[in-house]
């Protein structure tokens, strides 16, 4: 059974940095889309940044120049480096993968809380 496990959230002061990680375990043939979404209290889940197998990146305007996605394809792992964090970045961050095992799956991580506060 394939699952995603996230790590790396926490409390950080405004202007600080964090790195989130998400690893997919199980028998995986390919991962076509990897990315991060977030959900702030009282708001809908929104896209942060995604990357396709072909390298196309989609990113929210609010994080451009501050957040960067990277991958370790050999380990089926995705990272989100977040710099210059702001209070409005406070949210539960979810990793997402669209992958192929014996079938095509869309999976979400369990979520990790990022709190930006002084």
Protein backbone atom coordinates (compact mmCIF):
# COMPACT_ATOMS: atom_id res chain seq x y z
CA UNK A 1 0.00 0.00 0.00
CA UNK A 2 1.41 3.38 -0.99
CA UNK A 3 1.33 6.20 1.50
CA UNK A 4 2.83 9.64 1.96
CA UNK A 5 4.57 10.66 5.17
CA UNK A 6 5.33 14.31 5.87
CA UNK A 7 7.71 15.95 8.28
CA UNK A 8 9.23 19.33 9.02
CA UNK A 9 6.49 21.64 10.25
CA UNK A 10 6.67 23.73 13.38
CA UNK A 11 6.73 27.19 14.87
CA UNK A 12 8.93 29.84 13.28
CA UNK A 13 9.28 33.59 13.65
CA UNK A 14 8.43 35.95 10.79
CA UNK A 15 11.32 36.08 8.36
CA UNK A 16 12.45 32.60 9.29
CA UNK A 17 12.78 29.44 7.23
CA UNK A 18 11.55 25.87 7.29
CA UNK A 19 11.89 22.84 5.07
CA UNK A 20 9.10 20.33 4.67
CA UNK A 21 9.64 16.78 3.44
CA UNK A 22 7.27 14.18 2.07
CA UNK A 23 8.24 10.64 1.20
CA UNK A 24 6.16 8.11 -0.69
CA UNK A 25 6.54 4.50 0.35
CA UNK A 26 5.41 1.37 -1.41
CA UNK A 27 5.63 -0.04 -4.90
CA UNK A 28 5.59 2.90 -7.29
CA UNK A 29 5.99 2.79 -11.04
CA UNK A 30 6.08 6.54 -11.64
CA UNK A 31 5.09 9.84 -10.09
CA UNK A 32 3.51 12.21 -12.55
CA UNK A 33 2.80 15.18 -10.28
CA UNK A 34 4.25 16.10 -6.89
CA UNK A 35 3.46 19.14 -4.87
CA UNK A 36 2.27 21.02 -1.85
CA UNK A 37 -1.04 22.54 -0.86
CA UNK A 38 -2.00 24.39 2.31
CA UNK A 39 -5.10 25.14 4.28
CA UNK A 40 -5.28 28.07 6.67
CA UNK A 41 -7.89 28.20 9.44
CA UNK A 42 -11.30 29.02 8.01
CA UNK A 43 -10.07 28.91 4.42
CA UNK A 44 -10.13 26.44 1.56
CA UNK A 45 -7.15 24.33 0.66
CA UNK A 46 -5.00 26.11 -1.92
CA UNK A 47 -2.13 25.21 -4.17
CA UNK A 48 1.32 26.24 -3.03
CA UNK A 49 3.56 24.68 -5.66
CA UNK A 50 3.53 21.61 -7.86
CA UNK A 51 5.95 20.03 -10.30
CA UNK A 52 5.21 17.53 -13.04
CA UNK A 53 7.31 14.62 -14.23
CA UNK A 54 8.31 16.80 -17.16
CA UNK A 55 9.53 19.56 -14.85
CA UNK A 56 6.67 22.05 -15.23
CA UNK A 57 6.24 24.09 -12.06
CA UNK A 58 3.03 25.79 -10.98
CA UNK A 59 3.31 28.19 -8.05
CA UNK A 60 1.03 30.50 -6.10
CA UNK A 61 1.84 34.18 -6.60
CA UNK A 62 1.97 34.67 -2.84
CA UNK A 63 5.01 32.41 -2.46
CA UNK A 64 7.02 33.35 -5.55
CA UNK A 65 10.57 34.24 -4.67
CA UNK A 66 10.23 32.75 -1.18
CA UNK A 67 9.32 29.07 -1.56
CA UNK A 68 11.05 26.45 -3.68
CA UNK A 69 10.12 22.87 -4.45
CA UNK A 70 12.70 20.16 -5.01
CA UNK A 71 12.63 16.42 -5.42
CA UNK A 72 14.70 13.32 -4.84
CA UNK A 73 13.21 11.02 -7.43
CA UNK A 74 15.37 8.08 -6.38
CA UNK A 75 13.75 8.22 -2.95
CA UNK A 76 10.27 9.30 -4.12
CA UNK A 77 10.63 12.34 -1.89
CA UNK A 78 9.60 15.92 -2.29
CA UNK A 79 10.74 18.97 -0.34
CA UNK A 80 9.43 22.49 0.15
CA UNK A 81 11.96 25.08 1.21
CA UNK A 82 10.19 28.09 2.70
CA UNK A 83 12.11 31.31 3.26
CA UNK A 84 11.06 34.72 4.56
CA UNK A 85 8.00 33.23 6.18
CA UNK A 86 5.10 35.52 6.99
CA UNK A 87 2.21 35.17 9.45
CA UNK A 88 -0.14 34.65 6.49
CA UNK A 89 1.81 31.49 5.61
CA UNK A 90 0.44 29.88 8.76
CA UNK A 91 -1.48 26.78 7.66
CA UNK A 92 -1.53 23.03 7.57
CA UNK A 93 0.62 21.98 4.63
CA UNK A 94 -0.28 18.85 2.69
CA UNK A 95 1.89 17.07 0.19
CA UNK A 96 0.22 15.64 -2.89
CA UNK A 97 1.28 13.07 -5.43
CA UNK A 98 -0.37 11.74 -8.55
CA UNK A 99 1.36 8.46 -9.13
CA UNK A 100 1.12 5.10 -10.84
CA UNK A 101 1.34 1.77 -9.07
CA UNK A 102 -0.80 -1.03 -10.49
CA UNK A 103 -3.26 1.77 -11.09
CA UNK A 104 -3.25 5.56 -11.01
CA UNK A 105 -3.60 7.13 -7.58
CA UNK A 106 -3.91 10.59 -6.11
CA UNK A 107 -2.59 10.67 -2.56
CA UNK A 108 -2.36 13.24 0.20
CA UNK A 109 -0.02 13.39 3.13
CA UNK A 110 -1.32 13.62 6.68
CA UNK A 111 -0.60 17.33 6.89
CA UNK A 112 1.94 19.23 8.92
CA UNK A 113 1.26 22.47 10.76
CA UNK A 114 3.39 25.52 10.04
CA UNK A 115 2.89 28.43 12.42
CA UNK A 116 4.56 31.76 11.74
CA UNK A 117 4.40 33.96 14.79
CA UNK A 118 6.58 36.11 17.00
